[in-house]
Amino acid sequence: MNAEQPNNPLHGVTLKTVVEKLLEHYGWDGLAERINIGCFQSNPSIKSSLKFLRKTPWARDKVEGLYIDTFATNSPWNRSK
């Protein structure tokens, strides 16, 4: 299970880093436009977003997908687009 994952754009990236980079890039309003979840729309904070995303796999998948689409466009994960 501890095998290296050189082609995984999320390998070694924490959820906190994902949220912080997306926030820096899009802002809360931009995140709320792209992903329709309450933690980005109503009194957003990194702490509350992380708490929600850690408990909600479908929302985390959407956030991680946006991160990959935004920052890892040359990864093999995005070559089918």
N, C-alpha and C. Protein backbone atom coordinates (compact mmCIF):
# COMPACT_ATOMS: atom_id res chain seq x y z
N MET A 1 0.81 -1.20 0.00
CA MET A 1 0.00 0.00 0.00
C MET A 1 0.85 1.27 0.00
N ASN A 2 2.08 1.17 0.47
CA ASN A 2 2.94 2.34 0.54
C ASN A 2 3.73 2.56 -0.73
N ALA A 3 3.29 1.98 -1.83
CA ALA A 3 4.00 2.14 -3.09
C ALA A 3 3.97 3.59 -3.54
N GLU A 4 5.02 3.98 -4.22
CA GLU A 4 5.07 5.35 -4.75
C GLU A 4 3.99 5.53 -5.81
N GLN A 5 3.50 6.75 -5.90
CA GLN A 5 2.45 7.06 -6.88
C GLN A 5 2.87 8.29 -7.68
N PRO A 6 3.91 8.16 -8.52
CA PRO A 6 4.43 9.33 -9.20
C PRO A 6 3.45 9.97 -10.18
N ASN A 7 2.47 9.22 -10.67
CA ASN A 7 1.52 9.78 -11.63
C ASN A 7 0.24 10.31 -10.98
N ASN A 8 0.12 10.17 -9.67
CA ASN A 8 -1.06 10.66 -8.97
C ASN A 8 -0.83 12.11 -8.59
N PRO A 9 -1.58 13.05 -9.19
CA PRO A 9 -1.35 14.47 -8.90
C PRO A 9 -1.67 14.87 -7.47
N LEU A 10 -2.35 14.00 -6.71
CA LEU A 10 -2.67 14.30 -5.32
C LEU A 10 -1.70 13.63 -4.35
N HIS A 11 -0.77 12.84 -4.86
CA HIS A 11 0.18 12.14 -3.99
C HIS A 11 1.01 13.15 -3.21
N GLY A 12 0.97 13.04 -1.88
CA GLY A 12 1.74 13.92 -1.02
C GLY A 12 1.12 15.29 -0.77
N VAL A 13 -0.08 15.52 -1.32
CA VAL A 13 -0.75 16.81 -1.14
C VAL A 13 -1.87 16.63 -0.11
N THR A 14 -1.82 17.41 0.96
CA THR A 14 -2.86 17.30 1.99
C THR A 14 -4.15 17.98 1.53
N LEU A 15 -5.24 17.59 2.14
CA LEU A 15 -6.52 18.22 1.84
C LEU A 15 -6.46 19.72 2.16
N LYS A 16 -5.77 20.06 3.24
CA LYS A 16 -5.64 21.47 3.60
C LYS A 16 -4.92 22.25 2.50
N THR A 17 -3.87 21.69 1.95
CA THR A 17 -3.16 22.34 0.85
C THR A 17 -4.05 22.50 -0.36
N VAL A 18 -4.83 21.46 -0.67
CA VAL A 18 -5.76 21.51 -1.81
C VAL A 18 -6.73 22.68 -1.63
N VAL A 19 -7.35 22.77 -0.46
CA VAL A 19 -8.32 23.84 -0.20
C VAL A 19 -7.64 25.21 -0.24
N GLU A 20 -6.48 25.33 0.37
CA GLU A 20 -5.78 26.63 0.39
C GLU A 20 -5.39 27.09 -1.00
N LYS A 21 -4.87 26.18 -1.82
CA LYS A 21 -4.48 26.56 -3.18
C LYS A 21 -5.70 26.94 -4.02
N LEU A 22 -6.79 26.18 -3.89
CA LEU A 22 -8.00 26.52 -4.63
C LEU A 22 -8.56 27.86 -4.16
N LEU A 23 -8.53 28.10 -2.86
CA LEU A 23 -9.01 29.37 -2.32
C LEU A 23 -8.17 30.53 -2.84
N GLU A 24 -6.87 30.37 -2.86
CA GLU A 24 -5.98 31.40 -3.38
C GLU A 24 -6.26 31.68 -4.86
N HIS A 25 -6.56 30.63 -5.60
CA HIS A 25 -6.79 30.75 -7.05
C HIS A 25 -8.17 31.31 -7.39
N TYR A 26 -9.22 30.81 -6.72
CA TYR A 26 -10.60 31.15 -7.08
C TYR A 26 -11.29 32.08 -6.10
N GLY A 27 -10.88 32.09 -4.83
CA GLY A 27 -11.62 32.80 -3.80
C GLY A 27 -12.85 32.00 -3.40
N TRP A 28 -13.49 32.40 -2.30
CA TRP A 28 -14.68 31.66 -1.84
C TRP A 28 -15.80 31.71 -2.86
N ASP A 29 -16.04 32.89 -3.46
CA ASP A 29 -17.12 32.99 -4.44
C ASP A 29 -16.88 32.10 -5.65
N GLY A 30 -15.65 32.05 -6.11
CA GLY A 30 -15.32 31.20 -7.25
C GLY A 30 -15.46 29.73 -6.93
N LEU A 31 -15.08 29.35 -5.72
CA LEU A 31 -15.26 27.95 -5.32
C LEU A 31 -16.74 27.60 -5.23
N ALA A 32 -17.53 28.51 -4.66
CA ALA A 32 -18.97 28.27 -4.52
C ALA A 32 -19.64 28.15 -5.88
N GLU A 33 -19.16 28.91 -6.87
CA GLU A 33 -19.72 28.82 -8.23
C GLU A 33 -19.40 27.48 -8.87
N ARG A 34 -18.21 26.97 -8.61
CA ARG A 34 -17.76 25.74 -9.26
C ARG A 34 -18.23 24.48 -8.55
N ILE A 35 -18.36 24.56 -7.22
CA ILE A 35 -18.78 23.41 -6.42
C ILE A 35 -19.88 23.87 -5.48
N ASN A 36 -21.07 23.37 -5.69
CA ASN A 36 -22.25 23.82 -4.95
C ASN A 36 -22.35 23.09 -3.61
N ILE A 37 -21.53 23.53 -2.66
CA ILE A 37 -21.61 22.98 -1.31
C ILE A 37 -21.62 24.13 -0.30
N GLY A 38 -22.38 23.94 0.75
CA GLY A 38 -22.61 25.00 1.74
C GLY A 38 -21.36 25.52 2.40
N CYS A 39 -20.34 24.68 2.59
CA CYS A 39 -19.14 25.14 3.29
C CYS A 39 -18.38 26.20 2.49
N PHE A 40 -18.68 26.34 1.21
CA PHE A 40 -18.07 27.39 0.39
C PHE A 40 -18.99 28.59 0.23
N GLN A 41 -20.26 28.46 0.64
CA GLN A 41 -21.25 29.50 0.38
C GLN A 41 -21.65 30.28 1.62
N SER A 42 -21.77 29.64 2.75
CA SER A 42 -22.30 30.28 3.95
C SER A 42 -21.22 30.36 5.02
N ASN A 43 -20.75 31.57 5.31
CA ASN A 43 -19.70 31.80 6.30
C ASN A 43 -18.51 30.86 6.09
N PRO A 44 -17.90 30.87 4.91
CA PRO A 44 -16.84 29.91 4.63
C PRO A 44 -15.57 30.17 5.44
N SER A 45 -14.92 29.10 5.81
CA SER A 45 -13.60 29.17 6.43
C SER A 45 -12.86 27.89 6.06
N ILE A 46 -11.56 27.94 6.13
CA ILE A 46 -10.78 26.75 5.83
C ILE A 46 -11.10 25.65 6.84
N LYS A 47 -11.18 26.01 8.12
CA LYS A 47 -11.44 25.02 9.16
C LYS A 47 -12.78 24.31 8.95
N SER A 48 -13.85 25.08 8.69
CA SER A 48 -15.16 24.44 8.51
C SER A 48 -15.21 23.63 7.22
N SER A 49 -14.53 24.12 6.19
CA SER A 49 -14.50 23.38 4.92
C SER A 49 -13.79 22.04 5.09
N LEU A 50 -12.64 22.05 5.78
CA LEU A 50 -11.91 20.82 5.99
C LEU A 50 -12.73 19.82 6.81
N LYS A 51 -13.41 20.30 7.83
CA LYS A 51 -14.24 19.43 8.66
C LYS A 51 -15.33 18.76 7.81
N PHE A 52 -16.01 19.55 6.98
CA PHE A 52 -17.06 19.01 6.11
C PHE A 52 -16.48 18.04 5.08
N LEU A 53 -15.41 18.43 4.42
CA LEU A 53 -14.85 17.61 3.35
C LEU A 53 -14.30 16.28 3.87
N ARG A 54 -13.78 16.26 5.07
CA ARG A 54 -13.26 15.02 5.64
C ARG A 54 -14.39 14.04 5.97
N LYS A 55 -15.59 14.55 6.20
CA LYS A 55 -16.73 13.70 6.53
C LYS A 55 -17.61 13.37 5.32
N THR A 56 -17.34 14.02 4.18
CA THR A 56 -18.24 13.91 3.03
C THR A 56 -17.45 13.53 1.77
N PRO A 57 -17.32 12.23 1.52
CA PRO A 57 -16.47 11.78 0.41
C PRO A 57 -16.85 12.35 -0.97
N TRP A 58 -18.14 12.48 -1.27
CA TRP A 58 -18.52 12.98 -2.60
C TRP A 58 -18.07 14.43 -2.77
N ALA A 59 -18.14 15.23 -1.71
CA ALA A 59 -17.71 16.62 -1.80
C ALA A 59 -16.19 16.70 -1.91
N ARG A 60 -15.50 15.86 -1.16
CA ARG A 60 -14.04 15.83 -1.25
C ARG A 60 -13.61 15.45 -2.66
N ASP A 61 -14.29 14.47 -3.25
CA ASP A 61 -13.97 14.07 -4.63
C ASP A 61 -14.11 15.25 -5.59
N LYS A 62 -15.15 16.05 -5.42
CA LYS A 62 -15.35 17.21 -6.29
C LYS A 62 -14.24 18.24 -6.11
N VAL A 63 -13.85 18.48 -4.86
CA VAL A 63 -12.79 19.45 -4.58
C VAL A 63 -11.45 18.95 -5.13
N GLU A 64 -11.16 17.69 -4.91
CA GLU A 64 -9.91 17.13 -5.44
C GLU A 64 -9.91 17.13 -6.97
N GLY A 65 -11.06 16.87 -7.57
CA GLY A 65 -11.17 16.93 -9.03
C GLY A 65 -10.92 18.32 -9.57
N LEU A 66 -11.46 19.33 -8.89
CA LEU A 66 -11.22 20.72 -9.31
C LEU A 66 -9.74 21.06 -9.17
N TYR A 67 -9.12 20.59 -8.12
CA TYR A 67 -7.68 20.83 -7.92
C TYR A 67 -6.88 20.22 -9.08
N ILE A 68 -7.20 18.99 -9.43
CA ILE A 68 -6.50 18.32 -10.53
C ILE A 68 -6.74 19.08 -11.83
N ASP A 69 -7.98 19.43 -12.11
CA ASP A 69 -8.30 20.16 -13.34
C ASP A 69 -7.59 21.51 -13.40
N THR A 70 -7.43 22.15 -12.25
CA THR A 70 -6.86 23.49 -12.20
C THR A 70 -5.34 23.47 -12.23
N PHE A 71 -4.72 22.59 -11.47
CA PHE A 71 -3.28 22.67 -11.28
C PHE A 71 -2.47 21.54 -11.89
N ALA A 72 -3.10 20.47 -12.32
CA ALA A 72 -2.35 19.34 -12.86
C ALA A 72 -2.79 19.01 -14.28
N THR A 73 -2.92 20.03 -15.10
CA THR A 73 -3.45 19.84 -16.45
C THR A 73 -2.58 18.95 -17.34
N ASN A 74 -1.30 18.82 -17.01
CA ASN A 74 -0.42 17.97 -17.81
C ASN A 74 -0.30 16.56 -17.25
N SER A 75 -1.05 16.27 -16.20
CA SER A 75 -0.96 14.94 -15.61
C SER A 75 -1.66 13.91 -16.50
N PRO A 76 -1.29 12.65 -16.38
CA PRO A 76 -1.96 11.62 -17.17
C PRO A 76 -3.43 11.49 -16.83
N TRP A 77 -3.83 12.00 -15.67
CA TRP A 77 -5.24 11.93 -15.24
C TRP A 77 -6.09 12.83 -16.12
N ASN A 78 -5.53 13.85 -16.73
CA ASN A 78 -6.29 14.81 -17.52
C ASN A 78 -6.09 14.68 -19.02
N ARG A 79 -5.33 13.73 -19.46
CA ARG A 79 -5.01 13.65 -20.89
C ARG A 79 -6.21 13.24 -21.74
N SER A 80 -7.24 12.68 -21.15
CA SER A 80 -8.41 12.26 -21.92
C SER A 80 -9.31 13.43 -22.26
N LYS A 81 -9.04 14.62 -21.71
CA LYS A 81 -9.90 15.78 -21.95
C LYS A 81 -9.55 16.47 -23.24
